[in-house]
Amino acid sequence: MSRNTRRVLFVILAALMPLLNSCGFYSFTGASIPPEARTVSVTLFPNKADIVQPSLSQVFTDALRDKFTSQSSLSLVPQGGDLHFEGEITGYGTEPVAITGQQQAALIRLKITVSVRFTNKFSAKDNFESTFTRFEDYPSSMNLNAVEEGLIAKITEALVEDIFNKAVVNW
């Protein structure tokens, strides 16, 4: 690369740097986190659904913690984080969908609902209390026990993405 090309690139990068910093911290995940925020805390989400799947509480909580530690520069703390999440799993169950001509379900839907309270220590306008629901369908010919772990992983990933987006991507 020639010397002039390097100079031009340097000038362009120098001109763009203030734009990247002007609205707080920007990451390539699309997250807009206040620049003064350094920590995130996620308390255990207890399973208060009518049907309690034993591992769901820990799986969901760990997935939400992992999302913030892998997609931001925030450090995870046990409590009192600059960004704080708490809540509970309020729904877990199956329901028939896609009824066939013989009045039998061709598909079964596994649905999970989570109630979330988010607090942003530096921007109260971003605080929220919301309910998030996601589902996955599976063939009625399959036993839930055989597909449950994989379905929970997919649903949890979608729920965590929704929560992350609402908290720091501002959709």
N, C-alpha and C. Protein backbone atom coordinates (compact mmCIF):
# COMPACT_ATOMS: atom_id res chain seq x y z
N MET A 1 0.85 -1.17 0.00
CA MET A 1 0.00 0.00 0.00
C MET A 1 0.90 1.24 0.00
N SER A 2 0.57 2.19 -0.82
CA SER A 2 1.41 3.38 -0.94
C SER A 2 1.24 4.29 0.27
N ARG A 3 2.16 5.19 0.40
CA ARG A 3 2.15 6.12 1.53
C ARG A 3 0.93 7.04 1.46
N ASN A 4 0.58 7.48 0.26
CA ASN A 4 -0.59 8.35 0.11
C ASN A 4 -1.88 7.62 0.44
N THR A 5 -1.98 6.35 0.05
CA THR A 5 -3.16 5.55 0.36
C THR A 5 -3.32 5.40 1.87
N ARG A 6 -2.22 5.16 2.56
CA ARG A 6 -2.26 5.04 4.03
C ARG A 6 -2.71 6.33 4.67
N ARG A 7 -2.23 7.44 4.17
CA ARG A 7 -2.64 8.75 4.71
C ARG A 7 -4.14 8.97 4.53
N VAL A 8 -4.65 8.65 3.35
CA VAL A 8 -6.08 8.82 3.08
C VAL A 8 -6.90 7.94 4.02
N LEU A 9 -6.51 6.68 4.19
CA LEU A 9 -7.21 5.78 5.11
C LEU A 9 -7.17 6.30 6.54
N PHE A 10 -6.02 6.83 6.96
CA PHE A 10 -5.89 7.37 8.30
C PHE A 10 -6.85 8.55 8.50
N VAL A 11 -6.91 9.45 7.53
CA VAL A 11 -7.79 10.61 7.62
C VAL A 11 -9.25 10.16 7.68
N ILE A 12 -9.62 9.19 6.87
CA ILE A 12 -11.00 8.69 6.88
C ILE A 12 -11.34 8.07 8.23
N LEU A 13 -10.46 7.22 8.74
CA LEU A 13 -10.69 6.60 10.05
C LEU A 13 -10.76 7.64 11.16
N ALA A 14 -9.89 8.63 11.10
CA ALA A 14 -9.90 9.69 12.12
C ALA A 14 -11.21 10.47 12.06
N ALA A 15 -11.73 10.67 10.87
CA ALA A 15 -13.00 11.40 10.73
C ALA A 15 -14.18 10.57 11.22
N LEU A 16 -14.11 9.25 11.08
CA LEU A 16 -15.23 8.39 11.49
C LEU A 16 -15.26 8.11 12.99
N MET A 17 -14.15 8.17 13.67
CA MET A 17 -14.09 7.84 15.09
C MET A 17 -15.08 8.63 15.94
N PRO A 18 -15.21 9.95 15.79
CA PRO A 18 -16.20 10.68 16.60
C PRO A 18 -17.63 10.20 16.35
N LEU A 19 -17.92 9.77 15.13
CA LEU A 19 -19.27 9.29 14.83
C LEU A 19 -19.57 8.01 15.60
N LEU A 20 -18.59 7.14 15.74
CA LEU A 20 -18.80 5.89 16.46
C LEU A 20 -18.97 6.12 17.95
N ASN A 21 -18.39 7.16 18.48
CA ASN A 21 -18.45 7.44 19.91
C ASN A 21 -19.54 8.42 20.29
N SER A 22 -20.18 9.08 19.33
CA SER A 22 -21.11 10.15 19.64
C SER A 22 -22.37 9.70 20.36
N CYS A 23 -22.82 8.50 20.15
CA CYS A 23 -24.07 8.04 20.75
C CYS A 23 -23.82 6.98 21.81
N GLY A 24 -22.73 7.09 22.50
CA GLY A 24 -22.43 6.08 23.51
C GLY A 24 -21.63 4.95 22.90
N PHE A 25 -21.58 3.86 23.56
CA PHE A 25 -20.81 2.71 23.14
C PHE A 25 -21.53 2.01 21.99
N TYR A 26 -20.80 1.71 20.95
CA TYR A 26 -21.38 0.99 19.83
C TYR A 26 -20.62 -0.31 19.64
N SER A 27 -21.35 -1.36 19.42
CA SER A 27 -20.68 -2.62 19.10
C SER A 27 -21.22 -3.11 17.78
N PHE A 28 -20.52 -4.02 17.14
CA PHE A 28 -20.97 -4.50 15.85
C PHE A 28 -22.16 -5.44 15.95
N THR A 29 -22.63 -5.70 17.16
CA THR A 29 -23.86 -6.48 17.32
C THR A 29 -25.07 -5.57 17.20
N GLY A 30 -24.85 -4.26 17.13
CA GLY A 30 -25.94 -3.31 17.07
C GLY A 30 -26.34 -2.80 18.44
N ALA A 31 -25.68 -3.26 19.47
CA ALA A 31 -26.01 -2.84 20.83
C ALA A 31 -25.55 -1.42 21.06
N SER A 32 -26.39 -0.64 21.72
CA SER A 32 -26.04 0.71 22.12
C SER A 32 -26.11 0.77 23.64
N ILE A 33 -24.96 0.63 24.26
CA ILE A 33 -24.87 0.56 25.71
C ILE A 33 -24.27 1.87 26.20
N PRO A 34 -24.82 2.46 27.26
CA PRO A 34 -24.25 3.71 27.77
C PRO A 34 -22.75 3.54 28.03
N PRO A 35 -21.94 4.53 27.66
CA PRO A 35 -20.49 4.39 27.81
C PRO A 35 -20.04 4.21 29.26
N GLU A 36 -20.82 4.72 30.19
CA GLU A 36 -20.44 4.59 31.60
C GLU A 36 -20.81 3.23 32.20
N ALA A 37 -21.62 2.45 31.49
CA ALA A 37 -22.02 1.12 31.98
C ALA A 37 -20.83 0.16 31.88
N ARG A 38 -20.56 -0.51 32.98
CA ARG A 38 -19.44 -1.45 33.03
C ARG A 38 -19.86 -2.87 33.40
N THR A 39 -21.03 -3.00 34.05
CA THR A 39 -21.43 -4.30 34.58
C THR A 39 -22.87 -4.64 34.21
N VAL A 40 -23.15 -5.94 34.22
CA VAL A 40 -24.50 -6.44 34.02
C VAL A 40 -24.75 -7.52 35.08
N SER A 41 -25.96 -7.55 35.61
CA SER A 41 -26.34 -8.61 36.54
C SER A 41 -27.65 -9.24 36.07
N VAL A 42 -27.70 -10.55 36.22
CA VAL A 42 -28.89 -11.31 35.83
C VAL A 42 -29.19 -12.26 36.98
N THR A 43 -30.28 -11.99 37.71
CA THR A 43 -30.63 -12.90 38.80
C THR A 43 -31.29 -14.15 38.22
N LEU A 44 -31.26 -15.21 38.98
CA LEU A 44 -31.86 -16.47 38.54
C LEU A 44 -33.35 -16.26 38.26
N PHE A 45 -33.80 -16.71 37.11
CA PHE A 45 -35.21 -16.62 36.73
C PHE A 45 -35.91 -17.88 37.23
N PRO A 46 -36.65 -17.79 38.35
CA PRO A 46 -37.32 -18.98 38.85
C PRO A 46 -38.44 -19.41 37.91
N ASN A 47 -38.72 -20.70 37.89
CA ASN A 47 -39.77 -21.24 37.05
C ASN A 47 -41.07 -21.26 37.85
N LYS A 48 -41.96 -20.31 37.54
CA LYS A 48 -43.25 -20.21 38.23
C LYS A 48 -44.40 -20.64 37.33
N ALA A 49 -44.07 -21.35 36.27
CA ALA A 49 -45.10 -21.85 35.35
C ALA A 49 -45.87 -22.98 36.02
N ASP A 50 -47.06 -23.25 35.52
CA ASP A 50 -47.86 -24.35 36.05
C ASP A 50 -47.14 -25.68 35.89
N ILE A 51 -46.45 -25.84 34.76
CA ILE A 51 -45.64 -27.04 34.53
C ILE A 51 -44.18 -26.61 34.68
N VAL A 52 -43.47 -27.24 35.59
CA VAL A 52 -42.08 -26.87 35.84
C VAL A 52 -41.14 -27.87 35.18
N GLN A 53 -40.39 -27.40 34.22
CA GLN A 53 -39.35 -28.21 33.59
C GLN A 53 -38.10 -27.95 34.43
N PRO A 54 -37.54 -28.97 35.08
CA PRO A 54 -36.51 -28.79 36.09
C PRO A 54 -35.28 -27.98 35.69
N SER A 55 -34.78 -28.12 34.47
CA SER A 55 -33.54 -27.43 34.10
C SER A 55 -33.77 -26.07 33.44
N LEU A 56 -35.02 -25.74 33.12
CA LEU A 56 -35.30 -24.53 32.33
C LEU A 56 -34.82 -23.25 33.01
N SER A 57 -35.02 -23.13 34.30
CA SER A 57 -34.63 -21.92 35.02
C SER A 57 -33.15 -21.63 34.85
N GLN A 58 -32.33 -22.62 35.07
CA GLN A 58 -30.88 -22.44 34.96
C GLN A 58 -30.44 -22.25 33.51
N VAL A 59 -31.03 -23.02 32.61
CA VAL A 59 -30.68 -22.91 31.18
C VAL A 59 -30.97 -21.51 30.67
N PHE A 60 -32.15 -20.99 30.98
CA PHE A 60 -32.54 -19.65 30.52
C PHE A 60 -31.64 -18.58 31.12
N THR A 61 -31.45 -18.63 32.43
CA THR A 61 -30.63 -17.62 33.12
C THR A 61 -29.21 -17.62 32.57
N ASP A 62 -28.62 -18.79 32.41
CA ASP A 62 -27.26 -18.89 31.88
C ASP A 62 -27.18 -18.34 30.45
N ALA A 63 -28.18 -18.61 29.65
CA ALA A 63 -28.19 -18.13 28.26
C ALA A 63 -28.24 -16.60 28.21
N LEU A 64 -29.04 -15.98 29.09
CA LEU A 64 -29.12 -14.53 29.13
C LEU A 64 -27.80 -13.94 29.61
N ARG A 65 -27.20 -14.54 30.61
CA ARG A 65 -25.88 -14.08 31.09
C ARG A 65 -24.84 -14.21 29.98
N ASP A 66 -24.83 -15.35 29.31
CA ASP A 66 -23.85 -15.59 28.24
C ASP A 66 -24.00 -14.59 27.09
N LYS A 67 -25.22 -14.23 26.77
CA LYS A 67 -25.46 -13.28 25.68
C LYS A 67 -24.78 -11.95 25.96
N PHE A 68 -24.93 -11.46 27.20
CA PHE A 68 -24.35 -10.16 27.52
C PHE A 68 -22.84 -10.22 27.69
N THR A 69 -22.32 -11.31 28.18
CA THR A 69 -20.86 -11.37 28.32
C THR A 69 -20.18 -11.61 26.98
N SER A 70 -20.85 -12.28 26.04
CA SER A 70 -20.24 -12.54 24.74
C SER A 70 -20.51 -11.44 23.72
N GLN A 71 -21.60 -10.69 23.87
CA GLN A 71 -21.97 -9.69 22.87
C GLN A 71 -21.72 -8.25 23.33
N SER A 72 -21.11 -8.07 24.49
CA SER A 72 -20.80 -6.73 24.98
C SER A 72 -19.51 -6.79 25.78
N SER A 73 -19.04 -5.63 26.17
CA SER A 73 -17.83 -5.56 26.99
C SER A 73 -18.17 -5.50 28.47
N LEU A 74 -19.43 -5.71 28.82
CA LEU A 74 -19.86 -5.64 30.21
C LEU A 74 -19.35 -6.85 31.00
N SER A 75 -19.02 -6.60 32.26
CA SER A 75 -18.61 -7.68 33.16
C SER A 75 -19.83 -8.15 33.94
N LEU A 76 -19.93 -9.45 34.10
CA LEU A 76 -21.05 -10.04 34.84
C LEU A 76 -20.77 -9.94 36.34
N VAL A 77 -21.74 -9.39 37.09
CA VAL A 77 -21.65 -9.33 38.55
C VAL A 77 -22.89 -10.00 39.12
N PRO A 78 -22.81 -10.53 40.35
CA PRO A 78 -23.94 -11.27 40.91
C PRO A 78 -25.20 -10.43 41.13
N GLN A 79 -25.02 -9.16 41.51
CA GLN A 79 -26.18 -8.29 41.74
C GLN A 79 -25.77 -6.83 41.60
N GLY A 80 -26.76 -5.97 41.42
CA GLY A 80 -26.51 -4.53 41.36
C GLY A 80 -25.73 -4.05 40.17
N GLY A 81 -25.84 -4.73 39.03
CA GLY A 81 -25.14 -4.31 37.83
C GLY A 81 -25.68 -3.00 37.28
N ASP A 82 -24.87 -2.33 36.48
CA ASP A 82 -25.32 -1.10 35.82
C ASP A 82 -26.55 -1.38 34.96
N LEU A 83 -26.56 -2.54 34.33
CA LEU A 83 -27.75 -3.06 33.65
C LEU A 83 -28.16 -4.28 34.47
N HIS A 84 -29.43 -4.36 34.83
CA HIS A 84 -29.87 -5.46 35.71
C HIS A 84 -31.14 -6.11 35.15
N PHE A 85 -31.14 -7.44 35.15
CA PHE A 85 -32.29 -8.22 34.69
C PHE A 85 -32.77 -9.11 35.81
N GLU A 86 -34.08 -9.16 35.95
CA GLU A 86 -34.71 -10.10 36.88
C GLU A 86 -36.07 -10.47 36.31
N GLY A 87 -36.64 -11.53 36.83
CA GLY A 87 -37.95 -11.94 36.35
C GLY A 87 -38.20 -13.39 36.67
N GLU A 88 -39.15 -13.98 35.95
CA GLU A 88 -39.52 -15.36 36.18
C GLU A 88 -40.08 -15.97 34.90
N ILE A 89 -39.99 -17.28 34.86
CA ILE A 89 -40.60 -18.03 33.77
C ILE A 89 -42.05 -18.23 34.19
N THR A 90 -42.98 -17.73 33.40
CA THR A 90 -44.38 -17.75 33.79
C THR A 90 -45.22 -18.75 32.99
N GLY A 91 -44.66 -19.26 31.91
CA GLY A 91 -45.41 -20.22 31.11
C GLY A 91 -44.52 -21.26 30.46
N TYR A 92 -44.97 -22.50 30.52
CA TYR A 92 -44.28 -23.60 29.86
C TYR A 92 -45.32 -24.66 29.58
N GLY A 93 -45.53 -24.96 28.31
CA GLY A 93 -46.53 -25.98 28.02
C GLY A 93 -46.63 -26.28 26.54
N THR A 94 -47.42 -27.29 26.26
CA THR A 94 -47.63 -27.72 24.88
C THR A 94 -49.10 -27.54 24.51
N GLU A 95 -49.33 -27.39 23.22
CA GLU A 95 -50.69 -27.30 22.70
C GLU A 95 -50.70 -27.85 21.28
N PRO A 96 -51.80 -28.45 20.89
CA PRO A 96 -51.89 -28.99 19.54
C PRO A 96 -52.07 -27.88 18.51
N VAL A 97 -51.43 -28.04 17.37
CA VAL A 97 -51.61 -27.12 16.23
C VAL A 97 -51.70 -27.96 14.98
N ALA A 98 -52.14 -27.39 13.90
CA ALA A 98 -52.24 -28.09 12.61
C ALA A 98 -53.06 -29.38 12.75
N ILE A 99 -54.33 -29.21 13.06
CA ILE A 99 -55.24 -30.35 13.22
C ILE A 99 -55.52 -30.97 11.85
N THR A 100 -55.45 -32.29 11.77
CA THR A 100 -55.69 -33.00 10.51
C THR A 100 -57.18 -33.27 10.34
N GLY A 101 -57.54 -33.87 9.22
CA GLY A 101 -58.93 -34.21 8.93
C GLY A 101 -59.51 -35.21 9.91
N GLN A 102 -58.68 -35.99 10.57
CA GLN A 102 -59.16 -36.97 11.56
C GLN A 102 -59.20 -36.39 12.96
N GLN A 103 -59.21 -35.05 13.05
CA GLN A 103 -59.26 -34.36 14.34
C GLN A 103 -58.08 -34.71 15.24
N GLN A 104 -56.93 -34.94 14.64
CA GLN A 104 -55.71 -35.19 15.39
C GLN A 104 -54.70 -34.10 15.06
N ALA A 105 -53.86 -33.79 16.01
CA ALA A 105 -52.85 -32.77 15.78
C ALA A 105 -51.69 -33.35 14.97
N ALA A 106 -51.34 -32.64 13.91
CA ALA A 106 -50.18 -33.03 13.11
C ALA A 106 -48.91 -32.50 13.77
N LEU A 107 -49.07 -31.38 14.46
CA LEU A 107 -47.94 -30.75 15.15
C LEU A 107 -48.33 -30.41 16.58
N ILE A 108 -47.33 -30.39 17.43
CA ILE A 108 -47.50 -29.96 18.81
C ILE A 108 -46.58 -28.75 18.99
N ARG A 109 -47.05 -27.75 19.70
CA ARG A 109 -46.29 -26.53 19.94
C ARG A 109 -45.82 -26.49 21.38
N LEU A 110 -44.52 -26.34 21.59
CA LEU A 110 -43.96 -26.10 22.91
C LEU A 110 -43.76 -24.59 23.03
N LYS A 111 -44.36 -24.00 24.06
CA LYS A 111 -44.34 -22.55 24.22
C LYS A 111 -43.78 -22.19 25.59
N ILE A 112 -42.90 -21.19 25.62
CA ILE A 112 -42.31 -20.70 26.86
C ILE A 112 -42.55 -19.19 26.95
N THR A 113 -42.98 -18.74 28.13
CA THR A 113 -43.22 -17.32 28.38
C THR A 113 -42.37 -16.89 29.57
N VAL A 114 -41.74 -15.72 29.42
CA VAL A 114 -40.86 -15.18 30.46
C VAL A 114 -41.25 -13.73 30.74
N SER A 115 -41.37 -13.41 32.01
CA SER A 115 -41.61 -12.03 32.44
C SER A 115 -40.26 -11.44 32.85
N VAL A 116 -39.92 -10.27 32.30
CA VAL A 116 -38.61 -9.66 32.52
C VAL A 116 -38.75 -8.23 33.01
N ARG A 117 -37.95 -7.90 34.02
CA ARG A 117 -37.82 -6.53 34.50
C ARG A 117 -36.37 -6.10 34.26
N PHE A 118 -36.21 -5.03 33.50
CA PHE A 118 -34.87 -4.54 33.14
C PHE A 118 -34.68 -3.15 33.73
N THR A 119 -33.52 -2.94 34.36
CA THR A 119 -33.18 -1.64 34.92
C THR A 119 -31.84 -1.21 34.36
N ASN A 120 -31.82 0.00 33.81
CA ASN A 120 -30.60 0.61 33.30
C ASN A 120 -30.27 1.75 34.26
N LYS A 121 -29.22 1.60 35.04
CA LYS A 121 -28.85 2.55 36.08
C LYS A 121 -28.60 3.95 35.53
N PHE A 122 -28.23 4.05 34.27
CA PHE A 122 -27.85 5.34 33.69
C PHE A 122 -28.92 5.94 32.78
N SER A 123 -29.96 5.21 32.48
CA SER A 123 -30.99 5.71 31.58
C SER A 123 -32.34 5.11 31.96
N ALA A 124 -33.04 5.76 32.87
CA ALA A 124 -34.32 5.25 33.36
C ALA A 124 -35.35 5.11 32.25
N LYS A 125 -35.24 5.89 31.19
CA LYS A 125 -36.20 5.79 30.09
C LYS A 125 -36.10 4.44 29.37
N ASP A 126 -34.98 3.75 29.53
CA ASP A 126 -34.80 2.44 28.90
C ASP A 126 -35.29 1.29 29.76
N ASN A 127 -35.65 1.56 31.02
CA ASN A 127 -36.17 0.51 31.90
C ASN A 127 -37.46 -0.04 31.33
N PHE A 128 -37.71 -1.33 31.55
CA PHE A 128 -38.97 -1.90 31.11
C PHE A 128 -39.34 -3.12 31.94
N GLU A 129 -40.62 -3.43 31.88
CA GLU A 129 -41.16 -4.68 32.41
C GLU A 129 -42.02 -5.24 31.30
N SER A 130 -41.60 -6.38 30.76
CA SER A 130 -42.27 -6.96 29.59
C SER A 130 -42.36 -8.47 29.69
N THR A 131 -43.29 -9.00 28.93
CA THR A 131 -43.44 -10.44 28.81
C THR A 131 -43.02 -10.85 27.40
N PHE A 132 -42.24 -11.91 27.32
CA PHE A 132 -41.76 -12.42 26.03
C PHE A 132 -42.22 -13.87 25.89
N THR A 133 -42.73 -14.22 24.73
CA THR A 133 -43.18 -15.59 24.46
C THR A 133 -42.59 -16.05 23.13
N ARG A 134 -42.11 -17.27 23.12
CA ARG A 134 -41.62 -17.90 21.90
C ARG A 134 -42.05 -19.36 21.91
N PHE A 135 -42.07 -19.98 20.72
CA PHE A 135 -42.48 -21.37 20.62
C PHE A 135 -41.75 -22.06 19.49
N GLU A 136 -41.80 -23.38 19.54
CA GLU A 136 -41.31 -24.24 18.46
C GLU A 136 -42.30 -25.38 18.30
N ASP A 137 -42.54 -25.78 17.07
CA ASP A 137 -43.44 -26.89 16.79
C ASP A 137 -42.64 -28.16 16.51
N TYR A 138 -43.25 -29.28 16.84
CA TYR A 138 -42.63 -30.57 16.55
C TYR A 138 -43.73 -31.56 16.15
N PRO A 139 -43.37 -32.59 15.37
CA PRO A 139 -44.39 -33.55 14.90
C PRO A 139 -45.04 -34.28 16.07
N SER A 140 -46.33 -34.46 15.97
CA SER A 140 -47.07 -35.15 17.04
C SER A 140 -46.66 -36.62 17.16
N SER A 141 -46.01 -37.14 16.14
CA SER A 141 -45.56 -38.54 16.18
C SER A 141 -44.34 -38.70 17.10
N MET A 142 -43.74 -37.57 17.51
CA MET A 142 -42.56 -37.63 18.37
C MET A 142 -42.95 -37.41 19.83
N ASN A 143 -42.21 -38.03 20.70
CA ASN A 143 -42.41 -37.86 22.13
C ASN A 143 -41.69 -36.59 22.58
N LEU A 144 -42.34 -35.77 23.39
CA LEU A 144 -41.74 -34.53 23.87
C LEU A 144 -40.39 -34.78 24.53
N ASN A 145 -40.29 -35.85 25.30
CA ASN A 145 -39.02 -36.14 25.98
C ASN A 145 -37.86 -36.30 25.00
N ALA A 146 -38.15 -36.76 23.80
CA ALA A 146 -37.11 -36.99 22.80
C ALA A 146 -36.62 -35.69 22.16
N VAL A 147 -37.46 -34.67 22.12
CA VAL A 147 -37.11 -33.43 21.42
C VAL A 147 -37.04 -32.21 22.35
N GLU A 148 -37.40 -32.39 23.59
CA GLU A 148 -37.54 -31.27 24.52
C GLU A 148 -36.25 -30.45 24.68
N GLU A 149 -35.13 -31.10 24.89
CA GLU A 149 -33.88 -30.37 25.10
C GLU A 149 -33.54 -29.46 23.93
N GLY A 150 -33.66 -29.98 22.72
CA GLY A 150 -33.38 -29.18 21.53
C GLY A 150 -34.36 -28.04 21.34
N LEU A 151 -35.64 -28.31 21.63
CA LEU A 151 -36.66 -27.26 21.50
C LEU A 151 -36.41 -26.15 22.52
N ILE A 152 -36.08 -26.53 23.75
CA ILE A 152 -35.79 -25.53 24.78
C ILE A 152 -34.61 -24.68 24.38
N ALA A 153 -33.59 -25.28 23.81
CA ALA A 153 -32.41 -24.52 23.37
C ALA A 153 -32.79 -23.49 22.31
N LYS A 154 -33.60 -23.89 21.33
CA LYS A 154 -34.03 -22.97 20.26
C LYS A 154 -34.90 -21.84 20.81
N ILE A 155 -35.86 -22.20 21.65
CA ILE A 155 -36.77 -21.20 22.21
C ILE A 155 -36.01 -20.23 23.10
N THR A 156 -35.12 -20.77 23.93
CA THR A 156 -34.32 -19.92 24.82
C THR A 156 -33.47 -18.94 24.02
N GLU A 157 -32.85 -19.42 22.96
CA GLU A 157 -32.04 -18.55 22.11
C GLU A 157 -32.87 -17.39 21.55
N ALA A 158 -34.08 -17.69 21.09
CA ALA A 158 -34.96 -16.65 20.53
C ALA A 158 -35.41 -15.67 21.62
N LEU A 159 -35.77 -16.19 22.80
CA LEU A 159 -36.19 -15.32 23.90
C LEU A 159 -35.05 -14.38 24.32
N VAL A 160 -33.87 -14.93 24.46
CA VAL A 160 -32.71 -14.13 24.88
C VAL A 160 -32.41 -13.06 23.83
N GLU A 161 -32.51 -13.40 22.57
CA GLU A 161 -32.29 -12.42 21.50
C GLU A 161 -33.33 -11.30 21.59
N ASP A 162 -34.59 -11.64 21.83
CA ASP A 162 -35.64 -10.63 21.97
C ASP A 162 -35.35 -9.69 23.15
N ILE A 163 -34.96 -10.27 24.27
CA ILE A 163 -34.67 -9.48 25.48
C ILE A 163 -33.45 -8.58 25.26
N PHE A 164 -32.40 -9.12 24.68
CA PHE A 164 -31.19 -8.35 24.36
C PHE A 164 -31.55 -7.18 23.45
N ASN A 165 -32.32 -7.45 22.42
CA ASN A 165 -32.72 -6.39 21.48
C ASN A 165 -33.52 -5.30 22.17
N LYS A 166 -34.47 -5.68 22.99
CA LYS A 166 -35.29 -4.66 23.67
C LYS A 166 -34.46 -3.85 24.66
N ALA A 167 -33.52 -4.48 25.33
CA ALA A 167 -32.74 -3.79 26.34
C ALA A 167 -31.66 -2.88 25.77
N VAL A 168 -30.95 -3.32 24.76
CA VAL A 168 -29.79 -2.53 24.31
C VAL A 168 -29.75 -2.22 22.82
N VAL A 169 -30.66 -2.75 22.04
CA VAL A 169 -30.67 -2.41 20.63
C VAL A 169 -31.82 -1.43 20.35
N ASN A 170 -32.70 -1.30 21.33
CA ASN A 170 -33.80 -0.34 21.30
C ASN A 170 -34.73 -0.52 20.11
N TRP A 171 -35.23 -1.74 19.90
CA TRP A 171 -36.19 -1.96 18.81
C TRP A 171 -37.60 -1.80 19.30
